[in-house]
PDB file of N, CA and C in Angstrom:
ATOM      1  N   MET A   1     132.308  80.839  87.319  1.00  0.00           N
ATOM      2  CA  MET A   1     132.094  82.009  86.487  1.00  0.00           C
ATOM      3  C   MET A   1     132.903  83.179  87.069  1.00  0.00           C
ATOM      4  N   GLU A   2     133.531  83.931  86.201  1.00  0.00           N
ATOM      5  CA  GLU A   2     134.379  85.050  86.610  1.00  0.00           C
ATOM      6  C   GLU A   2     133.602  86.369  86.542  1.00  0.00           C
ATOM      7  N   CYS A   3     133.776  87.214  87.539  1.00  0.00           N
ATOM      8  CA  CYS A   3     133.104  88.520  87.578  1.00  0.00           C
ATOM      9  C   CYS A   3     133.631  89.400  86.440  1.00  0.00           C
ATOM     10  N   PRO A   4     132.730  89.995  85.671  1.00  0.00           N
ATOM     11  CA  PRO A   4     133.180  90.871  84.598  1.00  0.00           C
ATOM     12  C   PRO A   4     133.798  92.179  85.103  1.00  0.00           C
ATOM     13  N   ALA A   5     133.514  92.536  86.349  1.00  0.00           N
ATOM     14  CA  ALA A   5     134.026  93.798  86.900  1.00  0.00           C
ATOM     15  C   ALA A   5     135.371  93.642  87.595  1.00  0.00           C
ATOM     16  N   CYS A   6     135.512  92.558  88.393  1.00  0.00           N
ATOM     17  CA  CYS A   6     136.748  92.441  89.182  1.00  0.00           C
ATOM     18  C   CYS A   6     137.472  91.108  89.012  1.00  0.00           C
ATOM     19  N   ARG A   7     136.909  90.206  88.259  1.00  0.00           N
ATOM     20  CA  ARG A   7     137.489  88.912  87.938  1.00  0.00           C
ATOM     21  C   ARG A   7     137.479  87.900  89.081  1.00  0.00           C
ATOM     22  N   ALA A   8     136.765  88.174  90.155  1.00  0.00           N
ATOM     23  CA  ALA A   8     136.640  87.209  91.253  1.00  0.00           C
ATOM     24  C   ALA A   8     135.692  86.083  90.828  1.00  0.00           C
ATOM     25  N   ARG A   9     135.774  84.958  91.505  1.00  0.00           N
ATOM     26  CA  ARG A   9     134.873  83.839  91.227  1.00  0.00           C
ATOM     27  C   ARG A   9     133.501  84.155  91.821  1.00  0.00           C
ATOM     28  N   MET A  10     132.468  84.123  91.002  1.00  0.00           N
ATOM     29  CA  MET A  10     131.126  84.517  91.412  1.00  0.00           C
ATOM     30  C   MET A  10     130.360  83.343  92.026  1.00  0.00           C
ATOM     31  N   VAL A  11     129.337  83.672  92.795  1.00  0.00           N
ATOM     32  CA  VAL A  11     128.419  82.680  93.347  1.00  0.00           C
ATOM     33  C   VAL A  11     127.252  82.591  92.374  1.00  0.00           C
ATOM     34  N   THR A  12     127.060  81.426  91.785  1.00  0.00           N
ATOM     35  CA  THR A  12     125.962  81.243  90.833  1.00  0.00           C
ATOM     36  C   THR A  12     124.821  80.522  91.520  1.00  0.00           C
ATOM     37  N   PHE A  13     123.597  80.876  91.126  1.00  0.00           N
ATOM     38  CA  PHE A  13     122.431  80.278  91.772  1.00  0.00           C
ATOM     39  C   PHE A  13     121.229  80.294  90.827  1.00  0.00           C
ATOM     40  N   PRO A  14     120.345  79.305  90.972  1.00  0.00           N
ATOM     41  CA  PRO A  14     119.121  79.304  90.181  1.00  0.00           C
ATOM     42  C   PRO A  14     118.159  80.356  90.729  1.00  0.00           C
ATOM     43  N   VAL A  15     117.356  80.930  89.852  1.00  0.00           N
ATOM     44  CA  VAL A  15     116.412  81.969  90.254  1.00  0.00           C
ATOM     45  C   VAL A  15     114.997  81.461  90.015  1.00  0.00           C
ATOM     46  N   PRO A  16     114.192  81.382  91.087  1.00  0.00           N
ATOM     47  CA  PRO A  16     112.804  80.961  90.912  1.00  0.00           C
ATOM     48  C   PRO A  16     112.045  81.932  90.009  1.00  0.00           C
ATOM     49  N   LEU A  17     111.021  81.429  89.381  1.00  0.00           N
ATOM     50  CA  LEU A  17     110.242  82.190  88.410  1.00  0.00           C
ATOM     51  C   LEU A  17     109.779  83.538  88.952  1.00  0.00           C
ATOM     52  N   GLU A  18     109.358  83.596  90.219  1.00  0.00           N
ATOM     53  CA  GLU A  18     108.808  84.842  90.763  1.00  0.00           C
ATOM     54  C   GLU A  18     109.834  85.969  90.889  1.00  0.00           C
ATOM     55  N   TYR A  19     111.126  85.639  90.796  1.00  0.00           N
ATOM     56  CA  TYR A  19     112.168  86.662  90.925  1.00  0.00           C
ATOM     57  C   TYR A  19     112.908  86.954  89.618  1.00  0.00           C
ATOM     58  N   ARG A  20     112.614  86.238  88.560  1.00  0.00           N
ATOM     59  CA  ARG A  20     113.386  86.362  87.320  1.00  0.00           C
ATOM     60  C   ARG A  20     113.316  87.743  86.690  1.00  0.00           C
ATOM     61  N   GLU A  21     112.235  88.462  86.902  1.00  0.00           N
ATOM     62  CA  GLU A  21     112.136  89.807  86.322  1.00  0.00           C
ATOM     63  C   GLU A  21     113.177  90.751  86.909  1.00  0.00           C
ATOM     64  N   HIS A  22     113.782  90.382  88.032  1.00  0.00           N
ATOM     65  CA  HIS A  22     114.772  91.229  88.699  1.00  0.00           C
ATOM     66  C   HIS A  22     116.214  90.865  88.336  1.00  0.00           C
ATOM     67  N   VAL A  23     116.365  89.862  87.485  1.00  0.00           N
ATOM     68  CA  VAL A  23     117.683  89.420  87.040  1.00  0.00           C
ATOM     69  C   VAL A  23     117.951  90.018  85.662  1.00  0.00           C
ATOM     70  N   PRO A  24     119.173  90.469  85.413  1.00  0.00           N
ATOM     71  CA  PRO A  24     119.471  90.931  84.056  1.00  0.00           C
ATOM     72  C   PRO A  24     119.054  89.868  83.038  1.00  0.00           C
ATOM     73  N   GLU A  25     118.437  90.309  81.978  1.00  0.00           N
ATOM     74  CA  GLU A  25     117.966  89.444  80.902  1.00  0.00           C
ATOM     75  C   GLU A  25     116.878  88.468  81.348  1.00  0.00           C
ATOM     76  N   SER A  26     116.272  88.689  82.525  1.00  0.00           N
ATOM     77  CA  SER A  26     115.232  87.808  83.077  1.00  0.00           C
ATOM     78  C   SER A  26     115.655  86.339  83.054  1.00  0.00           C
ATOM     79  N   SER A  27     116.914  86.109  83.330  1.00  0.00           N
ATOM     80  CA  SER A  27     117.503  84.772  83.280  1.00  0.00           C
ATOM     81  C   SER A  27     117.000  83.878  84.411  1.00  0.00           C
ATOM     82  N   ASP A  28     117.087  82.573  84.185  1.00  0.00           N
ATOM     83  CA  ASP A  28     116.707  81.626  85.239  1.00  0.00           C
ATOM     84  C   ASP A  28     117.885  81.302  86.158  1.00  0.00           C
ATOM     85  N   CYS A  29     119.049  81.879  85.858  1.00  0.00           N
ATOM     86  CA  CYS A  29     120.236  81.733  86.694  1.00  0.00           C
ATOM     87  C   CYS A  29     120.907  83.099  86.832  1.00  0.00           C
ATOM     88  N   ALA A  30     121.497  83.324  87.986  1.00  0.00           N
ATOM     89  CA  ALA A  30     122.188  84.592  88.220  1.00  0.00           C
ATOM     90  C   ALA A  30     123.509  84.307  88.932  1.00  0.00           C
ATOM     91  N   ALA A  31     124.356  85.324  88.955  1.00  0.00           N
ATOM     92  CA  ALA A  31     125.633  85.228  89.649  1.00  0.00           C
ATOM     93  C   ALA A  31     125.883  86.539  90.376  1.00  0.00           C
ATOM     94  N   LEU A  32     126.348  86.427  91.617  1.00  0.00           N
ATOM     95  CA  LEU A  32     126.677  87.593  92.431  1.00  0.00           C
ATOM     96  C   LEU A  32     128.142  87.487  92.837  1.00  0.00           C
ATOM     97  N   CYS A  33     128.856  88.574  92.647  1.00  0.00           N
ATOM     98  CA  CYS A  33     130.273  88.599  93.005  1.00  0.00           C
ATOM     99  C   CYS A  33     130.417  88.834  94.512  1.00  0.00           C
ATOM    100  N   PRO A  34     131.150  87.975  95.213  1.00  0.00           N
ATOM    101  CA  PRO A  34     131.334  88.164  96.649  1.00  0.00           C
ATOM    102  C   PRO A  34     132.294  89.294  97.002  1.00  0.00           C
ATOM    103  N   GLU A  35     132.978  89.853  95.995  1.00  0.00           N
ATOM    104  CA  GLU A  35     133.936  90.927  96.262  1.00  0.00           C
ATOM    105  C   GLU A  35     133.402  92.312  95.911  1.00  0.00           C
ATOM    106  N   CYS A  36     132.758  92.452  94.736  1.00  0.00           N
ATOM    107  CA  CYS A  36     132.287  93.787  94.334  1.00  0.00           C
ATOM    108  C   CYS A  36     130.763  93.873  94.252  1.00  0.00           C
ATOM    109  N   LEU A  37     130.070  92.773  94.541  1.00  0.00           N
ATOM    110  CA  LEU A  37     128.609  92.698  94.578  1.00  0.00           C
ATOM    111  C   LEU A  37     127.939  92.974  93.232  1.00  0.00           C
ATOM    112  N   THR A  38     128.641  92.683  92.152  1.00  0.00           N
ATOM    113  CA  THR A  38     128.069  92.804  90.813  1.00  0.00           C
ATOM    114  C   THR A  38     127.122  91.633  90.585  1.00  0.00           C
ATOM    115  N   LEU A  39     125.961  91.930  90.026  1.00  0.00           N
ATOM    116  CA  LEU A  39     124.963  90.913  89.696  1.00  0.00           C
ATOM    117  C   LEU A  39     124.866  90.789  88.184  1.00  0.00           C
ATOM    118  N   VAL A  40     124.942  89.569  87.686  1.00  0.00           N
ATOM    119  CA  VAL A  40     124.822  89.319  86.248  1.00  0.00           C
ATOM    120  C   VAL A  40     123.968  88.078  86.023  1.00  0.00           C
ATOM    121  N   ALA A  41     123.437  87.962  84.812  1.00  0.00           N
ATOM    122  CA  ALA A  41     122.762  86.733  84.406  1.00  0.00           C
ATOM    123  C   ALA A  41     123.831  85.662  84.216  1.00  0.00           C
ATOM    124  N   ALA A  42     123.466  84.422  84.496  1.00  0.00           N
ATOM    125  CA  ALA A  42     124.402  83.314  84.330  1.00  0.00           C
ATOM    126  C   ALA A  42     123.794  82.275  83.396  1.00  0.00           C
ATOM    127  N   ASN A  43     124.665  81.544  82.714  1.00  0.00           N
ATOM    128  CA  ASN A  43     124.199  80.484  81.824  1.00  0.00           C
ATOM    129  C   ASN A  43     123.794  79.235  82.585  1.00  0.00           C
ATOM    130  N   SER A  44     124.416  79.028  83.729  1.00  0.00           N
ATOM    131  CA  SER A  44     124.117  77.867  84.559  1.00  0.00           C
ATOM    132  C   SER A  44     124.317  78.256  86.017  1.00  0.00           C
ATOM    133  N   ALA A  45     123.831  77.398  86.894  1.00  0.00           N
ATOM    134  CA  ALA A  45     123.929  77.700  88.324  1.00  0.00           C
ATOM    135  C   ALA A  45     124.381  76.464  89.083  1.00  0.00           C
ATOM    136  N   SER A  46     124.978  76.704  90.220  1.00  0.00           N
ATOM    137  CA  SER A  46     125.378  75.625  91.105  1.00  0.00           C
ATOM    138  C   SER A  46     124.127  75.008  91.734  1.00  0.00           C
ATOM    139  N   ASP A  47     124.146  73.687  91.888  1.00  0.00           N
ATOM    140  CA  ASP A  47     123.034  73.020  92.562  1.00  0.00           C
ATOM    141  C   ASP A  47     123.013  73.358  94.053  1.00  0.00           C
ATOM    142  N   ASP A  48     124.169  73.690  94.582  1.00  0.00           N
ATOM    143  CA  ASP A  48     124.296  74.037  95.997  1.00  0.00           C
ATOM    144  C   ASP A  48     125.087  75.341  96.105  1.00  0.00           C
ATOM    145  N   PRO A  49     124.409  76.497  95.877  1.00  0.00           N
ATOM    146  CA  PRO A  49     125.131  77.777  95.888  1.00  0.00           C
ATOM    147  C   PRO A  49     125.770  78.045  97.249  1.00  0.00           C
ATOM    148  N   ARG A  50     126.988  78.567  97.232  1.00  0.00           N
ATOM    149  CA  ARG A  50     127.734  78.873  98.452  1.00  0.00           C
ATOM    150  C   ARG A  50     127.573  80.348  98.796  1.00  0.00           C
ATOM    151  N   PHE A  51     126.389  80.719  99.278  1.00  0.00           N
ATOM    152  CA  PHE A  51     126.130  82.107  99.660  1.00  0.00           C
ATOM    153  C   PHE A  51     127.027  82.551 100.811  1.00  0.00           C
ATOM    154  N   ASP A  52     127.567  81.600 101.568  1.00  0.00           N
ATOM    155  CA  ASP A  52     128.471  81.952 102.658  1.00  0.00           C
ATOM    156  C   ASP A  52     129.776  82.554 102.134  1.00  0.00           C
ATOM    157  N   ARG A  53     130.054  82.422 100.830  1.00  0.00           N
ATOM    158  CA  ARG A  53     131.222  83.084 100.242  1.00  0.00           C
ATOM    159  C   ARG A  53     131.008  84.592 100.169  1.00  0.00           C
ATOM    160  N   ILE A  54     129.761  85.029 100.149  1.00  0.00           N
ATOM    161  CA  ILE A  54     129.447  86.458 100.147  1.00  0.00           C
ATOM    162  C   ILE A  54     129.618  86.998 101.563  1.00  0.00           C
ATOM    163  N   SER A  55     129.041  86.269 102.522  1.00  0.00           N
ATOM    164  CA  SER A  55     129.158  86.639 103.936  1.00  0.00           C
ATOM    165  C   SER A  55     128.710  85.455 104.780  1.00  0.00           C
ATOM    166  N   SER A  56     129.348  85.280 105.920  1.00  0.00           N
ATOM    167  CA  SER A  56     128.913  84.216 106.835  1.00  0.00           C
ATOM    168  C   SER A  56     127.528  84.528 107.399  1.00  0.00           C
ATOM    169  N   ALA A  57     127.111  85.786 107.319  1.00  0.00           N
ATOM    170  CA  ALA A  57     125.785  86.190 107.797  1.00  0.00           C
ATOM    171  C   ALA A  57     124.694  85.953 106.754  1.00  0.00           C
ATOM    172  N   PHE A  58     125.086  85.555 105.552  1.00  0.00           N
ATOM    173  CA  PHE A  58     124.116  85.368 104.473  1.00  0.00           C
ATOM    174  C   PHE A  58     123.267  84.141 104.767  1.00  0.00           C
ATOM    175  N   PRO A  59     121.952  84.246 104.602  1.00  0.00           N
ATOM    176  CA  PRO A  59     121.085  83.096 104.877  1.00  0.00           C
ATOM    177  C   PRO A  59     121.269  81.994 103.835  1.00  0.00           C
ATOM    178  N   ASP A  60     120.885  80.787 104.215  1.00  0.00           N
ATOM    179  CA  ASP A  60     120.930  79.675 103.257  1.00  0.00           C
ATOM    180  C   ASP A  60     119.538  79.058 103.081  1.00  0.00           C
ATOM    181  N   ASN A  61     118.517  79.821 103.461  1.00  0.00           N
ATOM    182  CA  ASN A  61     117.145  79.338 103.315  1.00  0.00           C
ATOM    183  C   ASN A  61     116.476  80.041 102.133  1.00  0.00           C
ATOM    184  N   GLU A  62     115.153  80.100 102.141  1.00  0.00           N
ATOM    185  CA  GLU A  62     114.430  80.718 101.033  1.00  0.00           C
ATOM    186  C   GLU A  62     114.667  82.219 100.916  1.00  0.00           C
ATOM    187  N   ALA A  63     115.312  82.822 101.896  1.00  0.00           N
ATOM    188  CA  ALA A  63     115.656  84.248 101.830  1.00  0.00           C
ATOM    189  C   ALA A  63     116.916  84.508 101.011  1.00  0.00           C
ATOM    190  N   ALA A  64     117.701  83.483 100.735  1.00  0.00           N
ATOM    191  CA  ALA A  64     119.001  83.668 100.098  1.00  0.00           C
ATOM    192  C   ALA A  64     118.901  84.289  98.702  1.00  0.00           C
ATOM    193  N   VAL A  65     118.028  83.772  97.848  1.00  0.00           N
ATOM    194  CA  VAL A  65     117.955  84.270  96.475  1.00  0.00           C
ATOM    195  C   VAL A  65     117.425  85.698  96.418  1.00  0.00           C
ATOM    196  N   PRO A  66     116.292  86.019  97.070  1.00  0.00           N
ATOM    197  CA  PRO A  66     115.856  87.422  96.994  1.00  0.00           C
ATOM    198  C   PRO A  66     116.867  88.382  97.621  1.00  0.00           C
ATOM    199  N   LEU A  67     117.568  87.945  98.667  1.00  0.00           N
ATOM    200  CA  LEU A  67     118.582  88.811  99.274  1.00  0.00           C
ATOM    201  C   LEU A  67     119.768  88.992  98.331  1.00  0.00           C
ATOM    202  N   ALA A  68     120.213  87.925  97.696  1.00  0.00           N
ATOM    203  CA  ALA A  68     121.324  88.033  96.748  1.00  0.00           C
ATOM    204  C   ALA A  68     120.968  88.971  95.595  1.00  0.00           C
ATOM    205  N   LEU A  69     119.748  88.854  95.094  1.00  0.00           N
ATOM    206  CA  LEU A  69     119.313  89.744  94.016  1.00  0.00           C
ATOM    207  C   LEU A  69     119.260  91.188  94.503  1.00  0.00           C
ATOM    208  N   ALA A  70     118.706  91.398  95.698  1.00  0.00           N
ATOM    209  CA  ALA A  70     118.617  92.752  96.252  1.00  0.00           C
ATOM    210  C   ALA A  70     120.007  93.362  96.436  1.00  0.00           C
ATOM    211  N   VAL A  71     120.929  92.589  96.979  1.00  0.00           N
ATOM    212  CA  VAL A  71     122.298  93.078  97.170  1.00  0.00           C
ATOM    213  C   VAL A  71     122.905  93.455  95.819  1.00  0.00           C
ATOM    214  N   GLY A  72     122.653  92.650  94.815  1.00  0.00           N
ATOM    215  CA  GLY A  72     123.176  92.936  93.483  1.00  0.00           C
ATOM    216  C   GLY A  72     122.552  94.145  92.818  1.00  0.00           C
ATOM    217  N   LEU A  73     121.393  94.566  93.298  1.00  0.00           N
ATOM    218  CA  LEU A  73     120.703  95.724  92.726  1.00  0.00           C
ATOM    219  C   LEU A  73     120.956  97.014  93.509  1.00  0.00           C
ATOM    220  N   LEU A  74     121.766  96.948  94.540  1.00  0.00           N
ATOM    221  CA  LEU A  74     122.032  98.133  95.368  1.00  0.00           C
ATOM    222  C   LEU A  74     122.841  99.204  94.650  1.00  0.00           C
ATOM    223  N   ASP A  75     123.386  98.880  93.491  1.00  0.00           N
ATOM    224  CA  ASP A  75     124.202  99.861  92.778  1.00  0.00           C
ATOM    225  C   ASP A  75     123.392 101.083  92.368  1.00  0.00           C
ATOM    226  N   SER A  76     122.071 100.946  92.217  1.00  0.00           N
ATOM    227  CA  SER A  76     121.235 102.092  91.859  1.00  0.00           C
ATOM    228  C   SER A  76     119.847 101.955  92.468  1.00  0.00           C
ATOM    229  N   LEU A  77     119.632 102.648  93.568  1.00  0.00           N
ATOM    230  CA  LEU A  77     118.305 102.618  94.194  1.00  0.00           C
ATOM    231  C   LEU A  77     117.260 103.260  93.295  1.00  0.00           C
ATOM    232  N   ALA A  78     117.643 104.264  92.544  1.00  0.00           N
ATOM    233  CA  ALA A  78     116.691 104.940  91.664  1.00  0.00           C
ATOM    234  C   ALA A  78     116.177 103.991  90.580  1.00  0.00           C
ATOM    235  N   LEU A  79     117.068 103.218  89.988  1.00  0.00           N
ATOM    236  CA  LEU A  79     116.657 102.298  88.925  1.00  0.00           C
ATOM    237  C   LEU A  79     115.965 101.047  89.450  1.00  0.00           C
ATOM    238  N   HIS A  80     116.329 100.625  90.646  1.00  0.00           N
ATOM    239  CA  HIS A  80     115.860  99.330  91.151  1.00  0.00           C
ATOM    240  C   HIS A  80     114.908  99.445  92.346  1.00  0.00           C
ATOM    241  N   ARG A  81     114.352 100.594  92.549  1.00  0.00           N
ATOM    242  CA  ARG A  81     113.481 100.820  93.712  1.00  0.00           C
ATOM    243  C   ARG A  81     112.337  99.818  93.783  1.00  0.00           C
ATOM    244  N   THR A  82     111.628  99.623  92.692  1.00  0.00           N
ATOM    245  CA  THR A  82     110.482  98.720  92.676  1.00  0.00           C
ATOM    246  C   THR A  82     110.915  97.292  92.982  1.00  0.00           C
ATOM    247  N   ALA A  83     112.010  96.870  92.375  1.00  0.00           N
ATOM    248  CA  ALA A  83     112.515  95.518  92.627  1.00  0.00           C
ATOM    249  C   ALA A  83     112.889  95.341  94.095  1.00  0.00           C
ATOM    250  N   LEU A  84     113.575  96.316  94.665  1.00  0.00           N
ATOM    251  CA  LEU A  84     113.974  96.233  96.070  1.00  0.00           C
ATOM    252  C   LEU A  84     112.759  96.220  96.989  1.00  0.00           C
ATOM    253  N   GLN A  85     111.724  96.967  96.625  1.00  0.00           N
ATOM    254  CA  GLN A  85     110.500  96.979  97.429  1.00  0.00           C
ATOM    255  C   GLN A  85     109.756  95.647  97.347  1.00  0.00           C
ATOM    256  N   GLU A  86     110.066  94.842  96.362  1.00  0.00           N
ATOM    257  CA  GLU A  86     109.490  93.515  96.236  1.00  0.00           C
ATOM    258  C   GLU A  86     110.374  92.458  96.894  1.00  0.00           C
ATOM    259  N   LEU A  87     111.672  92.561  96.675  1.00  0.00           N
ATOM    260  CA  LEU A  87     112.604  91.549  97.153  1.00  0.00           C
ATOM    261  C   LEU A  87     112.818  91.589  98.665  1.00  0.00           C
ATOM    262  N   LEU A  88     112.978  92.764  99.231  1.00  0.00           N
ATOM    263  CA  LEU A  88     113.304  92.854 100.659  1.00  0.00           C
ATOM    264  C   LEU A  88     112.176  92.360 101.562  1.00  0.00           C
ATOM    265  N   PRO A  89     110.910  92.643 101.263  1.00  0.00           N
ATOM    266  CA  PRO A  89     109.850  92.034 102.079  1.00  0.00           C
ATOM    267  C   PRO A  89     109.832  90.497 101.974  1.00  0.00           C
ATOM    268  N   ALA A  90     110.229  89.944 100.835  1.00  0.00           N
ATOM    269  CA  ALA A  90     110.315  88.483 100.698  1.00  0.00           C
ATOM    270  C   ALA A  90     111.406  87.932 101.609  1.00  0.00           C
ATOM    271  N   VAL A  91     112.505  88.673 101.731  1.00  0.00           N
ATOM    272  CA  VAL A  91     113.584  88.278 102.635  1.00  0.00           C
ATOM    273  C   VAL A  91     113.069  88.305 104.076  1.00  0.00           C
ATOM    274  N   GLU A  92     112.396  89.376 104.441  1.00  0.00           N
ATOM    275  CA  GLU A  92     111.848  89.496 105.794  1.00  0.00           C
ATOM    276  C   GLU A  92     110.810  88.417 106.083  1.00  0.00           C
ATOM    277  N   ALA A  93     109.979  88.106 105.095  1.00  0.00           N
ATOM    278  CA  ALA A  93     108.950  87.071 105.270  1.00  0.00           C
ATOM    279  C   ALA A  93     109.581  85.695 105.516  1.00  0.00           C
ATOM    280  N   ALA A  94     110.800  85.507 105.034  1.00  0.00           N
ATOM    281  CA  ALA A  94     111.522  84.252 105.257  1.00  0.00           C
ATOM    282  C   ALA A  94     112.265  84.251 106.588  1.00  0.00           C
ATOM    283  N   GLY A  95     112.082  85.322 107.374  1.00  0.00           N
ATOM    284  CA  GLY A  95     112.655  85.368 108.710  1.00  0.00           C
ATOM    285  C   GLY A  95     114.052  85.941 108.813  1.00  0.00           C
ATOM    286  N   VAL A  96     114.475  86.695 107.806  1.00  0.00           N
ATOM    287  CA  VAL A  96     115.823  87.278 107.806  1.00  0.00           C
ATOM    288  C   VAL A  96     115.706  88.794 107.760  1.00  0.00           C
ATOM    289  N   ASP A  97     116.496  89.473 108.581  1.00  0.00           N
ATOM    290  CA  ASP A  97     116.542  90.932 108.588  1.00  0.00           C
ATOM    291  C   ASP A  97     117.583  91.375 107.547  1.00  0.00           C
ATOM    292  N   PRO A  98     117.137  91.880 106.389  1.00  0.00           N
ATOM    293  CA  PRO A  98     118.097  92.239 105.340  1.00  0.00           C
ATOM    294  C   PRO A  98     119.041  93.366 105.743  1.00  0.00           C
ATOM    295  N   LEU A  99     118.570  94.292 106.565  1.00  0.00           N
ATOM    296  CA  LEU A  99     119.426  95.402 106.991  1.00  0.00           C
ATOM    297  C   LEU A  99     120.546  94.914 107.907  1.00  0.00           C
ATOM    298  N   LEU A 100     120.234  93.928 108.741  1.00  0.00           N
ATOM    299  CA  LEU A 100     121.255  93.349 109.613  1.00  0.00           C
ATOM    300  C   LEU A 100     122.311  92.602 108.784  1.00  0.00           C
ATOM    301  N   VAL A 101     121.875  91.896 107.770  1.00  0.00           N
ATOM    302  CA  VAL A 101     122.838  91.207 106.893  1.00  0.00           C
ATOM    303  C   VAL A 101     123.737  92.232 106.201  1.00  0.00           C
ATOM    304  N   LEU A 102     123.160  93.348 105.748  1.00  0.00           N
ATOM    305  CA  LEU A 102     123.978  94.400 105.114  1.00  0.00           C
ATOM    306  C   LEU A 102     124.968  94.994 106.106  1.00  0.00           C
ATOM    307  N   ASP A 103     124.549  95.190 107.355  1.00  0.00           N
ATOM    308  CA  ASP A 103     125.463  95.680 108.390  1.00  0.00           C
ATOM    309  C   ASP A 103     126.653  94.731 108.545  1.00  0.00           C
ATOM    310  N   ARG A 104     126.360  93.459 108.616  1.00  0.00           N
ATOM    311  CA  ARG A 104     127.425  92.465 108.805  1.00  0.00           C
ATOM    312  C   ARG A 104     128.314  92.351 107.573  1.00  0.00           C
ATOM    313  N   LEU A 105     127.709  92.457 106.409  1.00  0.00           N
ATOM    314  CA  LEU A 105     128.471  92.429 105.164  1.00  0.00           C
ATOM    315  C   LEU A 105     129.442  93.606 105.109  1.00  0.00           C
ATOM    316  N   ASP A 106     128.980  94.770 105.529  1.00  0.00           N
ATOM    317  CA  ASP A 106     129.817  95.969 105.554  1.00  0.00           C
ATOM    318  C   ASP A 106     130.929  95.841 106.596  1.00  0.00           C
ATOM    319  N   ALA A 107     130.600  95.283 107.765  1.00  0.00           N
ATOM    320  CA  ALA A 107     131.559  95.185 108.862  1.00  0.00           C
ATOM    321  C   ALA A 107     132.632  94.119 108.628  1.00  0.00           C
ATOM    322  N   GLN A 108     132.318  93.096 107.847  1.00  0.00           N
ATOM    323  CA  GLN A 108     133.262  91.992 107.692  1.00  0.00           C
ATOM    324  C   GLN A 108     134.499  92.366 106.884  1.00  0.00           C
ATOM    325  N   GLY A 109     134.392  93.393 106.058  1.00  0.00           N
ATOM    326  CA  GLY A 109     135.529  93.765 105.219  1.00  0.00           C
ATOM    327  C   GLY A 109     135.674  92.799 104.051  1.00  0.00           C
ATOM    328  N   GLY A 110     136.546  93.108 103.147  1.00  0.00           N
ATOM    329  CA  GLY A 110     136.774  92.256 101.995  1.00  0.00           C
ATOM    330  C   GLY A 110     135.824  92.522 100.838  1.00  0.00           C
ATOM    331  N   VAL A 111     134.726  93.201 101.111  1.00  0.00           N
ATOM    332  CA  VAL A 111     133.764  93.540 100.073  1.00  0.00           C
ATOM    333  C   VAL A 111     134.065  94.962  99.618  1.00  0.00           C
ATOM    334  N   GLN A 112     134.213  95.136  98.306  1.00  0.00           N
ATOM    335  CA  GLN A 112     134.555  96.446  97.772  1.00  0.00           C
ATOM    336  C   GLN A 112     133.628  96.818  96.620  1.00  0.00           C
ATOM    337  N   PRO A 113     132.363  97.105  96.933  1.00  0.00           N
ATOM    338  CA  PRO A 113     131.448  97.495  95.853  1.00  0.00           C
ATOM    339  C   PRO A 113     131.765  98.899  95.350  1.00  0.00           C
ATOM    340  N   GLU A 114     131.186  99.237  94.224  1.00  0.00           N
ATOM    341  CA  GLU A 114     131.385 100.562  93.626  1.00  0.00           C
ATOM    342  C   GLU A 114     130.580 101.640  94.350  1.00  0.00           C
ATOM    343  N   PHE A 115     129.791 101.256  95.329  1.00  0.00           N
ATOM    344  CA  PHE A 115     128.952 102.180  96.080  1.00  0.00           C
ATOM    345  C   PHE A 115     129.268 102.038  97.569  1.00  0.00           C
ATOM    346  N   ASP A 116     128.837 103.009  98.349  1.00  0.00           N
ATOM    347  CA  ASP A 116     129.045 103.004  99.795  1.00  0.00           C
ATOM    348  C   ASP A 116     127.957 102.138 100.433  1.00  0.00           C
ATOM    349  N   LEU A 117     128.342 100.964 100.906  1.00  0.00           N
ATOM    350  CA  LEU A 117     127.381 100.001 101.437  1.00  0.00           C
ATOM    351  C   LEU A 117     126.642 100.531 102.664  1.00  0.00           C
ATOM    352  N   SER A 118     127.328 101.210 103.558  1.00  0.00           N
ATOM    353  CA  SER A 118     126.654 101.721 104.759  1.00  0.00           C
ATOM    354  C   SER A 118     125.647 102.817 104.393  1.00  0.00           C
ATOM    355  N   ARG A 119     125.983 103.622 103.411  1.00  0.00           N
ATOM    356  CA  ARG A 119     125.039 104.661 102.960  1.00  0.00           C
ATOM    357  C   ARG A 119     123.813 104.025 102.303  1.00  0.00           C
ATOM    358  N   ARG A 120     124.032 102.995 101.495  1.00  0.00           N
ATOM    359  CA  ARG A 120     122.898 102.315 100.853  1.00  0.00           C
ATOM    360  C   ARG A 120     122.013 101.644 101.887  1.00  0.00           C
ATOM    361  N   ARG A 121     122.613 101.117 102.932  1.00  0.00           N
ATOM    362  CA  ARG A 121     121.837 100.490 103.995  1.00  0.00           C
ATOM    363  C   ARG A 121     120.900 101.522 104.624  1.00  0.00           C
ATOM    364  N   HIS A 122     121.423 102.718 104.879  1.00  0.00           N
ATOM    365  CA  HIS A 122     120.622 103.806 105.449  1.00  0.00           C
ATOM    366  C   HIS A 122     119.491 104.194 104.490  1.00  0.00           C
ATOM    367  N   GLN A 123     119.803 104.289 103.205  1.00  0.00           N
ATOM    368  CA  GLN A 123     118.785 104.640 102.212  1.00  0.00           C
ATOM    369  C   GLN A 123     117.725 103.547 102.090  1.00  0.00           C
ATOM    370  N   LEU A 124     118.133 102.297 102.199  1.00  0.00           N
ATOM    371  CA  LEU A 124     117.172 101.193 102.158  1.00  0.00           C
ATOM    372  C   LEU A 124     116.233 101.235 103.350  1.00  0.00           C
ATOM    373  N   GLN A 125     116.771 101.575 104.502  1.00  0.00           N
ATOM    374  CA  GLN A 125     115.936 101.683 105.691  1.00  0.00           C
ATOM    375  C   GLN A 125     114.836 102.712 105.485  1.00  0.00           C
ATOM    376  N   GLN A 126     115.182 103.831 104.871  1.00  0.00           N
ATOM    377  CA  GLN A 126     114.194 104.860 104.576  1.00  0.00           C
ATOM    378  C   GLN A 126     113.192 104.358 103.538  1.00  0.00           C
ATOM    379  N   LEU A 127     113.648 103.608 102.583  1.00  0.00           N
ATOM    380  CA  LEU A 127     112.787 103.050 101.544  1.00  0.00           C
ATOM    381  C   LEU A 127     111.770 102.072 102.123  1.00  0.00           C
ATOM    382  N   LEU A 128     112.189 101.294 103.108  1.00  0.00           N
ATOM    383  CA  LEU A 128     111.322 100.276 103.697  1.00  0.00           C
ATOM    384  C   LEU A 128     110.346 100.858 104.715  1.00  0.00           C
ATOM    385  N   ASP A 129     110.645 102.022 105.255  1.00  0.00           N
ATOM    386  CA  ASP A 129     109.747 102.621 106.265  1.00  0.00           C
ATOM    387  C   ASP A 129     108.469 103.163 105.645  1.00  0.00           C
TER     388      ASP A 129
END
């Protein structure tokens, strides 16, 4: 699937029922762009999503989907505050520090979202406190 924003090849993944309300169109599949971090609903998903295409620091356990959704919702903390307050604790409960993953994602380069990733990381920290 091609990113509608930057045309990069997106990472598609199935979305469990408990997270579907956080996906555009409440879809059972989503796609996250590894270059601009755009999140969209997808018609289908890979059976083995390659979250490592987003970052080598990205988890591949039960934290992967809520983290991918949270990263895709970082474009607007005001609009997605409730979703982020639900998704990020799920990531932490799975044993992954979402703020550390964002730090590594920002440091690795190659990611060019429409927002300042380091600033959003700081704002998320305040949101989680």
